[in-house]
Amino acid sequence: MLPKSILKRGKQGFGIPMGEWFRGELKDYWSSVCLSDRAFSRGYFRKEDLFRIWDEHQSGKRDHGYRMWALMMLELWHNEFADDFKL
């Protein structure tokens, strides 16, 4: 029933609404993880840069969804695996 052009085409990826999530359901979670004193104490990022990313994203000026995802994953990884690591 489907045309050959659909049956024979290759796989196609799809996007996820990352930007929307960080303006909606994940908004409070991201800020509690990435804008926390614990995250800033690591010294990896300048506080003003994270707040700029946050403000630009929340205002709709820019979509930093994928960048915000990466930052959140780094901080969550640190919380889980690196904070209590002893040599």
PDB file of N, CA and C in Angstrom:
ATOM      1  N   MET A   1       0.810  -1.191   0.000  1.00  0.00           N
ATOM      2  CA  MET A   1       0.000   0.000   0.000  1.00  0.00           C
ATOM      3  C   MET A   1       0.860   1.265   0.000  1.00  0.00           C
ATOM      4  N   LEU A   2       2.106   1.140   0.475  1.00  0.00           N
ATOM      5  CA  LEU A   2       2.973   2.314   0.492  1.00  0.00           C
ATOM      6  C   LEU A   2       3.703   2.433  -0.837  1.00  0.00           C
ATOM      7  N   PRO A   3       3.979   3.632  -1.259  1.00  0.00           N
ATOM      8  CA  PRO A   3       4.741   3.814  -2.509  1.00  0.00           C
ATOM      9  C   PRO A   3       6.165   3.283  -2.366  1.00  0.00           C
ATOM     10  N   LYS A   4       6.751   2.847  -3.473  1.00  0.00           N
ATOM     11  CA  LYS A   4       8.115   2.312  -3.458  1.00  0.00           C
ATOM     12  C   LYS A   4       9.115   3.335  -2.931  1.00  0.00           C
ATOM     13  N   SER A   5       8.865   4.604  -3.178  1.00  0.00           N
ATOM     14  CA  SER A   5       9.798   5.638  -2.709  1.00  0.00           C
ATOM     15  C   SER A   5       9.906   5.641  -1.182  1.00  0.00           C
ATOM     16  N   ILE A   6       8.881   5.214  -0.513  1.00  0.00           N
ATOM     17  CA  ILE A   6       8.918   5.130   0.950  1.00  0.00           C
ATOM     18  C   ILE A   6       9.474   3.777   1.376  1.00  0.00           C
ATOM     19  N   LEU A   7       9.037   2.720   0.731  1.00  0.00           N
ATOM     20  CA  LEU A   7       9.490   1.383   1.106  1.00  0.00           C
ATOM     21  C   LEU A   7      10.982   1.187   0.898  1.00  0.00           C
ATOM     22  N   LYS A   8      11.544   1.795  -0.114  1.00  0.00           N
ATOM     23  CA  LYS A   8      12.940   1.568  -0.492  1.00  0.00           C
ATOM     24  C   LYS A   8      13.907   2.631   0.047  1.00  0.00           C
ATOM     25  N   ARG A   9      13.394   3.642   0.716  1.00  0.00           N
ATOM     26  CA  ARG A   9      14.305   4.688   1.176  1.00  0.00           C
ATOM     27  C   ARG A   9      15.068   4.212   2.410  1.00  0.00           C
ATOM     28  N   GLY A  10      16.194   4.855   2.666  1.00  0.00           N
ATOM     29  CA  GLY A  10      17.014   4.499   3.815  1.00  0.00           C
ATOM     30  C   GLY A  10      16.418   4.992   5.127  1.00  0.00           C
ATOM     31  N   LYS A  11      17.099   4.630   6.183  1.00  0.00           N
ATOM     32  CA  LYS A  11      16.662   5.066   7.511  1.00  0.00           C
ATOM     33  C   LYS A  11      16.799   6.576   7.624  1.00  0.00           C
ATOM     34  N   GLN A  12      15.932   7.149   8.425  1.00  0.00           N
ATOM     35  CA  GLN A  12      16.005   8.575   8.684  1.00  0.00           C
ATOM     36  C   GLN A  12      15.942   8.811  10.186  1.00  0.00           C
ATOM     37  N   GLY A  13      16.776   9.710  10.646  1.00  0.00           N
ATOM     38  CA  GLY A  13      16.753  10.066  12.056  1.00  0.00           C
ATOM     39  C   GLY A  13      15.608  11.021  12.353  1.00  0.00           C
ATOM     40  N   PHE A  14      15.460  11.323  13.598  1.00  0.00           N
ATOM     41  CA  PHE A  14      14.443  12.292  13.989  1.00  0.00           C
ATOM     42  C   PHE A  14      14.976  13.097  15.161  1.00  0.00           C
ATOM     43  N   GLY A  15      14.533  14.314  15.250  1.00  0.00           N
ATOM     44  CA  GLY A  15      14.971  15.192  16.323  1.00  0.00           C
ATOM     45  C   GLY A  15      14.089  15.040  17.547  1.00  0.00           C
ATOM     46  N   ILE A  16      14.599  15.528  18.629  1.00  0.00           N
ATOM     47  CA  ILE A  16      13.801  15.552  19.850  1.00  0.00           C
ATOM     48  C   ILE A  16      13.671  17.009  20.282  1.00  0.00           C
ATOM     49  N   PRO A  17      12.615  17.354  20.966  1.00  0.00           N
ATOM     50  CA  PRO A  17      12.370  18.765  21.318  1.00  0.00           C
ATOM     51  C   PRO A  17      13.156  19.216  22.549  1.00  0.00           C
ATOM     52  N   MET A  18      14.470  19.085  22.483  1.00  0.00           N
ATOM     53  CA  MET A  18      15.333  19.413  23.612  1.00  0.00           C
ATOM     54  C   MET A  18      15.104  20.842  24.097  1.00  0.00           C
ATOM     55  N   GLY A  19      15.075  21.779  23.172  1.00  0.00           N
ATOM     56  CA  GLY A  19      14.880  23.176  23.547  1.00  0.00           C
ATOM     57  C   GLY A  19      13.586  23.399  24.299  1.00  0.00           C
ATOM     58  N   GLU A  20      12.532  22.785  23.837  1.00  0.00           N
ATOM     59  CA  GLU A  20      11.233  22.911  24.507  1.00  0.00           C
ATOM     60  C   GLU A  20      11.279  22.306  25.903  1.00  0.00           C
ATOM     61  N   TRP A  21      11.941  21.179  26.043  1.00  0.00           N
ATOM     62  CA  TRP A  21      12.024  20.514  27.348  1.00  0.00           C
ATOM     63  C   TRP A  21      12.668  21.424  28.387  1.00  0.00           C
ATOM     64  N   PHE A  22      13.739  22.148  27.967  1.00  0.00           N
ATOM     65  CA  PHE A  22      14.437  23.007  28.916  1.00  0.00           C
ATOM     66  C   PHE A  22      13.714  24.327  29.165  1.00  0.00           C
ATOM     67  N   ARG A  23      12.660  24.580  28.417  1.00  0.00           N
ATOM     68  CA  ARG A  23      11.775  25.711  28.712  1.00  0.00           C
ATOM     69  C   ARG A  23      10.522  25.236  29.440  1.00  0.00           C
ATOM     70  N   GLY A  24      10.351  23.922  29.514  1.00  0.00           N
ATOM     71  CA  GLY A  24       9.152  23.346  30.113  1.00  0.00           C
ATOM     72  C   GLY A  24       9.471  22.382  31.234  1.00  0.00           C
ATOM     73  N   GLU A  25       9.257  21.092  30.957  1.00  0.00           N
ATOM     74  CA  GLU A  25       9.356  20.054  31.990  1.00  0.00           C
ATOM     75  C   GLU A  25      10.712  19.986  32.686  1.00  0.00           C
ATOM     76  N   LEU A  26      11.794  20.264  31.980  1.00  0.00           N
ATOM     77  CA  LEU A  26      13.132  20.143  32.569  1.00  0.00           C
ATOM     78  C   LEU A  26      13.723  21.474  33.022  1.00  0.00           C
ATOM     79  N   LYS A  27      12.961  22.526  32.931  1.00  0.00           N
ATOM     80  CA  LYS A  27      13.462  23.862  33.273  1.00  0.00           C
ATOM     81  C   LYS A  27      13.990  23.923  34.708  1.00  0.00           C
ATOM     82  N   ASP A  28      13.163  23.574  35.660  1.00  0.00           N
ATOM     83  CA  ASP A  28      13.568  23.646  37.068  1.00  0.00           C
ATOM     84  C   ASP A  28      14.663  22.639  37.394  1.00  0.00           C
ATOM     85  N   TYR A  29      14.581  21.467  36.784  1.00  0.00           N
ATOM     86  CA  TYR A  29      15.590  20.442  37.046  1.00  0.00           C
ATOM     87  C   TYR A  29      16.957  20.910  36.560  1.00  0.00           C
ATOM     88  N   TRP A  30      17.021  21.464  35.345  1.00  0.00           N
ATOM     89  CA  TRP A  30      18.296  21.924  34.800  1.00  0.00           C
ATOM     90  C   TRP A  30      18.900  23.000  35.689  1.00  0.00           C
ATOM     91  N   SER A  31      18.088  23.959  36.079  1.00  0.00           N
ATOM     92  CA  SER A  31      18.645  25.044  36.891  1.00  0.00           C
ATOM     93  C   SER A  31      19.112  24.532  38.257  1.00  0.00           C
ATOM     94  N   SER A  32      18.402  23.565  38.830  1.00  0.00           N
ATOM     95  CA  SER A  32      18.824  23.041  40.133  1.00  0.00           C
ATOM     96  C   SER A  32      20.119  22.241  40.030  1.00  0.00           C
ATOM     97  N   VAL A  33      20.372  21.635  38.883  1.00  0.00           N
ATOM     98  CA  VAL A  33      21.601  20.861  38.684  1.00  0.00           C
ATOM     99  C   VAL A  33      22.750  21.750  38.222  1.00  0.00           C
ATOM    100  N   CYS A  34      22.535  22.516  37.176  1.00  0.00           N
ATOM    101  CA  CYS A  34      23.622  23.237  36.512  1.00  0.00           C
ATOM    102  C   CYS A  34      23.912  24.620  37.083  1.00  0.00           C
ATOM    103  N   LEU A  35      22.964  25.208  37.768  1.00  0.00           N
ATOM    104  CA  LEU A  35      23.187  26.530  38.353  1.00  0.00           C
ATOM    105  C   LEU A  35      23.348  26.435  39.872  1.00  0.00           C
ATOM    106  N   SER A  36      23.708  25.255  40.340  1.00  0.00           N
ATOM    107  CA  SER A  36      23.866  25.034  41.775  1.00  0.00           C
ATOM    108  C   SER A  36      25.262  25.475  42.232  1.00  0.00           C
ATOM    109  N   ASP A  37      25.384  25.749  43.510  1.00  0.00           N
ATOM    110  CA  ASP A  37      26.695  26.079  44.087  1.00  0.00           C
ATOM    111  C   ASP A  37      27.672  24.927  43.878  1.00  0.00           C
ATOM    112  N   ARG A  38      27.169  23.714  43.972  1.00  0.00           N
ATOM    113  CA  ARG A  38      28.011  22.528  43.780  1.00  0.00           C
ATOM    114  C   ARG A  38      28.612  22.500  42.375  1.00  0.00           C
ATOM    115  N   ALA A  39      27.805  22.788  41.373  1.00  0.00           N
ATOM    116  CA  ALA A  39      28.293  22.800  39.988  1.00  0.00           C
ATOM    117  C   ALA A  39      29.314  23.922  39.789  1.00  0.00           C
ATOM    118  N   PHE A  40      29.022  25.103  40.333  1.00  0.00           N
ATOM    119  CA  PHE A  40      29.951  26.230  40.170  1.00  0.00           C
ATOM    120  C   PHE A  40      31.253  26.010  40.922  1.00  0.00           C
ATOM    121  N   SER A  41      31.212  25.262  42.007  1.00  0.00           N
ATOM    122  CA  SER A  41      32.419  25.045  42.810  1.00  0.00           C
ATOM    123  C   SER A  41      33.476  24.236  42.056  1.00  0.00           C
ATOM    124  N   ARG A  42      33.088  23.538  41.016  1.00  0.00           N
ATOM    125  CA  ARG A  42      34.055  22.754  40.236  1.00  0.00           C
ATOM    126  C   ARG A  42      35.030  23.643  39.468  1.00  0.00           C
ATOM    127  N   GLY A  43      34.586  24.837  39.127  1.00  0.00           N
ATOM    128  CA  GLY A  43      35.450  25.768  38.427  1.00  0.00           C
ATOM    129  C   GLY A  43      35.589  25.506  36.938  1.00  0.00           C
ATOM    130  N   TYR A  44      34.752  24.672  36.371  1.00  0.00           N
ATOM    131  CA  TYR A  44      34.831  24.375  34.935  1.00  0.00           C
ATOM    132  C   TYR A  44      34.304  25.516  34.076  1.00  0.00           C
ATOM    133  N   PHE A  45      33.287  26.192  34.565  1.00  0.00           N
ATOM    134  CA  PHE A  45      32.598  27.195  33.754  1.00  0.00           C
ATOM    135  C   PHE A  45      32.464  28.495  34.529  1.00  0.00           C
ATOM    136  N   ARG A  46      32.451  29.595  33.778  1.00  0.00           N
ATOM    137  CA  ARG A  46      32.204  30.891  34.396  1.00  0.00           C
ATOM    138  C   ARG A  46      30.707  31.028  34.662  1.00  0.00           C
ATOM    139  N   LYS A  47      30.403  31.445  35.856  1.00  0.00           N
ATOM    140  CA  LYS A  47      29.019  31.587  36.291  1.00  0.00           C
ATOM    141  C   LYS A  47      28.224  32.462  35.319  1.00  0.00           C
ATOM    142  N   GLU A  48      28.824  33.564  34.901  1.00  0.00           N
ATOM    143  CA  GLU A  48      28.115  34.497  34.008  1.00  0.00           C
ATOM    144  C   GLU A  48      27.796  33.855  32.655  1.00  0.00           C
ATOM    145  N   ASP A  49      28.644  32.944  32.192  1.00  0.00           N
ATOM    146  CA  ASP A  49      28.375  32.274  30.920  1.00  0.00           C
ATOM    147  C   ASP A  49      27.197  31.307  31.034  1.00  0.00           C
ATOM    148  N   LEU A  50      27.129  30.560  32.135  1.00  0.00           N
ATOM    149  CA  LEU A  50      25.995  29.645  32.307  1.00  0.00           C
ATOM    150  C   LEU A  50      24.689  30.410  32.461  1.00  0.00           C
ATOM    151  N   PHE A  51      24.738  31.526  33.183  1.00  0.00           N
ATOM    152  CA  PHE A  51      23.521  32.335  33.319  1.00  0.00           C
ATOM    153  C   PHE A  51      23.131  32.988  31.987  1.00  0.00           C
ATOM    154  N   ARG A  52      24.115  33.352  31.164  1.00  0.00           N
ATOM    155  CA  ARG A  52      23.816  33.908  29.841  1.00  0.00           C
ATOM    156  C   ARG A  52      23.124  32.862  28.966  1.00  0.00           C
ATOM    157  N   ILE A  53      23.674  31.639  28.966  1.00  0.00           N
ATOM    158  CA  ILE A  53      23.054  30.542  28.211  1.00  0.00           C
ATOM    159  C   ILE A  53      21.627  30.323  28.698  1.00  0.00           C
ATOM    160  N   TRP A  54      21.464  30.283  29.998  1.00  0.00           N
ATOM    161  CA  TRP A  54      20.142  30.083  30.603  1.00  0.00           C
ATOM    162  C   TRP A  54      19.169  31.182  30.172  1.00  0.00           C
ATOM    163  N   ASP A  55      19.590  32.429  30.318  1.00  0.00           N
ATOM    164  CA  ASP A  55      18.717  33.566  29.987  1.00  0.00           C
ATOM    165  C   ASP A  55      18.367  33.607  28.500  1.00  0.00           C
ATOM    166  N   GLU A  56      19.366  33.390  27.644  1.00  0.00           N
ATOM    167  CA  GLU A  56      19.097  33.383  26.198  1.00  0.00           C
ATOM    168  C   GLU A  56      18.111  32.278  25.832  1.00  0.00           C
ATOM    169  N   HIS A  57      18.286  31.134  26.442  1.00  0.00           N
ATOM    170  CA  HIS A  57      17.405  30.009  26.122  1.00  0.00           C
ATOM    171  C   HIS A  57      15.992  30.261  26.622  1.00  0.00           C
ATOM    172  N   GLN A  58      15.855  30.693  27.854  1.00  0.00           N
ATOM    173  CA  GLN A  58      14.530  30.905  28.424  1.00  0.00           C
ATOM    174  C   GLN A  58      13.778  32.035  27.736  1.00  0.00           C
ATOM    175  N   SER A  59      14.491  33.050  27.263  1.00  0.00           N
ATOM    176  CA  SER A  59      13.840  34.171  26.578  1.00  0.00           C
ATOM    177  C   SER A  59      13.487  33.839  25.128  1.00  0.00           C
ATOM    178  N   GLY A  60      14.038  32.731  24.614  1.00  0.00           N
ATOM    179  CA  GLY A  60      13.803  32.363  23.220  1.00  0.00           C
ATOM    180  C   GLY A  60      14.753  33.049  22.255  1.00  0.00           C
ATOM    181  N   LYS A  61      15.698  33.797  22.783  1.00  0.00           N
ATOM    182  CA  LYS A  61      16.676  34.490  21.933  1.00  0.00           C
ATOM    183  C   LYS A  61      17.525  33.496  21.145  1.00  0.00           C
ATOM    184  N   ARG A  62      17.919  32.402  21.800  1.00  0.00           N
ATOM    185  CA  ARG A  62      18.685  31.333  21.148  1.00  0.00           C
ATOM    186  C   ARG A  62      18.239  30.000  21.706  1.00  0.00           C
ATOM    187  N   ASP A  63      18.446  28.969  20.929  1.00  0.00           N
ATOM    188  CA  ASP A  63      18.132  27.614  21.391  1.00  0.00           C
ATOM    189  C   ASP A  63      19.435  26.927  21.784  1.00  0.00           C
ATOM    190  N   HIS A  64      19.658  26.811  23.071  1.00  0.00           N
ATOM    191  CA  HIS A  64      20.855  26.160  23.607  1.00  0.00           C
ATOM    192  C   HIS A  64      20.534  24.755  24.118  1.00  0.00           C
ATOM    193  N   GLY A  65      19.464  24.157  23.618  1.00  0.00           N
ATOM    194  CA  GLY A  65      19.006  22.877  24.133  1.00  0.00           C
ATOM    195  C   GLY A  65      20.073  21.799  24.183  1.00  0.00           C
ATOM    196  N   TYR A  66      20.796  21.591  23.102  1.00  0.00           N
ATOM    197  CA  TYR A  66      21.795  20.521  23.079  1.00  0.00           C
ATOM    198  C   TYR A  66      22.989  20.855  23.965  1.00  0.00           C
ATOM    199  N   ARG A  67      23.359  22.116  24.021  1.00  0.00           N
ATOM    200  CA  ARG A  67      24.440  22.543  24.903  1.00  0.00           C
ATOM    201  C   ARG A  67      24.025  22.336  26.367  1.00  0.00           C
ATOM    202  N   MET A  68      22.795  22.686  26.668  1.00  0.00           N
ATOM    203  CA  MET A  68      22.299  22.521  28.035  1.00  0.00           C
ATOM    204  C   MET A  68      22.236  21.049  28.421  1.00  0.00           C
ATOM    205  N   TRP A  69      21.873  20.204  27.479  1.00  0.00           N
ATOM    206  CA  TRP A  69      21.849  18.757  27.730  1.00  0.00           C
ATOM    207  C   TRP A  69      23.250  18.261  28.092  1.00  0.00           C
ATOM    208  N   ALA A  70      24.251  18.690  27.310  1.00  0.00           N
ATOM    209  CA  ALA A  70      25.624  18.255  27.551  1.00  0.00           C
ATOM    210  C   ALA A  70      26.117  18.736  28.918  1.00  0.00           C
ATOM    211  N   LEU A  71      25.811  19.963  29.271  1.00  0.00           N
ATOM    212  CA  LEU A  71      26.214  20.491  30.576  1.00  0.00           C
ATOM    213  C   LEU A  71      25.555  19.718  31.714  1.00  0.00           C
ATOM    214  N   MET A  72      24.285  19.426  31.548  1.00  0.00           N
ATOM    215  CA  MET A  72      23.570  18.689  32.581  1.00  0.00           C
ATOM    216  C   MET A  72      24.127  17.277  32.730  1.00  0.00           C
ATOM    217  N   MET A  73      24.422  16.614  31.632  1.00  0.00           N
ATOM    218  CA  MET A  73      24.978  15.262  31.696  1.00  0.00           C
ATOM    219  C   MET A  73      26.353  15.266  32.362  1.00  0.00           C
ATOM    220  N   LEU A  74      27.167  16.276  32.077  1.00  0.00           N
ATOM    221  CA  LEU A  74      28.480  16.375  32.719  1.00  0.00           C
ATOM    222  C   LEU A  74      28.321  16.525  34.226  1.00  0.00           C
ATOM    223  N   GLU A  75      27.429  17.398  34.648  1.00  0.00           N
ATOM    224  CA  GLU A  75      27.239  17.605  36.083  1.00  0.00           C
ATOM    225  C   GLU A  75      26.653  16.365  36.756  1.00  0.00           C
ATOM    226  N   LEU A  76      25.699  15.716  36.112  1.00  0.00           N
ATOM    227  CA  LEU A  76      25.128  14.498  36.690  1.00  0.00           C
ATOM    228  C   LEU A  76      26.164  13.377  36.754  1.00  0.00           C
ATOM    229  N   TRP A  77      27.027  13.290  35.753  1.00  0.00           N
ATOM    230  CA  TRP A  77      28.111  12.300  35.773  1.00  0.00           C
ATOM    231  C   TRP A  77      29.032  12.563  36.967  1.00  0.00           C
ATOM    232  N   HIS A  78      29.379  13.833  37.136  1.00  0.00           N
ATOM    233  CA  HIS A  78      30.230  14.191  38.273  1.00  0.00           C
ATOM    234  C   HIS A  78      29.578  13.807  39.595  1.00  0.00           C
ATOM    235  N   ASN A  79      28.308  14.113  39.733  1.00  0.00           N
ATOM    236  CA  ASN A  79      27.593  13.775  40.968  1.00  0.00           C
ATOM    237  C   ASN A  79      27.636  12.278  41.241  1.00  0.00           C
ATOM    238  N   GLU A  80      27.493  11.501  40.188  1.00  0.00           N
ATOM    239  CA  GLU A  80      27.399  10.047  40.346  1.00  0.00           C
ATOM    240  C   GLU A  80      28.751   9.360  40.503  1.00  0.00           C
ATOM    241  N   PHE A  81      29.748   9.800  39.741  1.00  0.00           N
ATOM    242  CA  PHE A  81      30.986   9.031  39.656  1.00  0.00           C
ATOM    243  C   PHE A  81      32.245   9.728  40.148  1.00  0.00           C
ATOM    244  N   ALA A  82      32.295  11.027  40.084  1.00  0.00           N
ATOM    245  CA  ALA A  82      33.566  11.698  40.365  1.00  0.00           C
ATOM    246  C   ALA A  82      33.642  12.344  41.749  1.00  0.00           C
ATOM    247  N   ASP A  83      32.526  12.737  42.321  1.00  0.00           N
ATOM    248  CA  ASP A  83      32.565  13.475  43.581  1.00  0.00           C
ATOM    249  C   ASP A  83      33.218  12.704  44.714  1.00  0.00           C
ATOM    250  N   ASP A  84      32.969  11.441  44.804  1.00  0.00           N
ATOM    251  CA  ASP A  84      33.507  10.640  45.904  1.00  0.00           C
ATOM    252  C   ASP A  84      34.742   9.831  45.527  1.00  0.00           C
ATOM    253  N   PHE A  85      35.280  10.098  44.335  1.00  0.00           N
ATOM    254  CA  PHE A  85      36.428   9.331  43.858  1.00  0.00           C
ATOM    255  C   PHE A  85      37.674   9.675  44.683  1.00  0.00           C
ATOM    256  N   LYS A  86      38.364   8.657  45.129  1.00  0.00           N
ATOM    257  CA  LYS A  86      39.605   8.817  45.881  1.00  0.00           C
ATOM    258  C   LYS A  86      40.696   8.019  45.164  1.00  0.00           C
ATOM    259  N   LEU A  87      41.867   8.617  45.059  1.00  0.00           N
ATOM    260  CA  LEU A  87      43.009   7.912  44.451  1.00  0.00           C
ATOM    261  C   LEU A  87      43.631   6.960  45.430  1.00  0.00           C
TER     262      LEU A  87
END
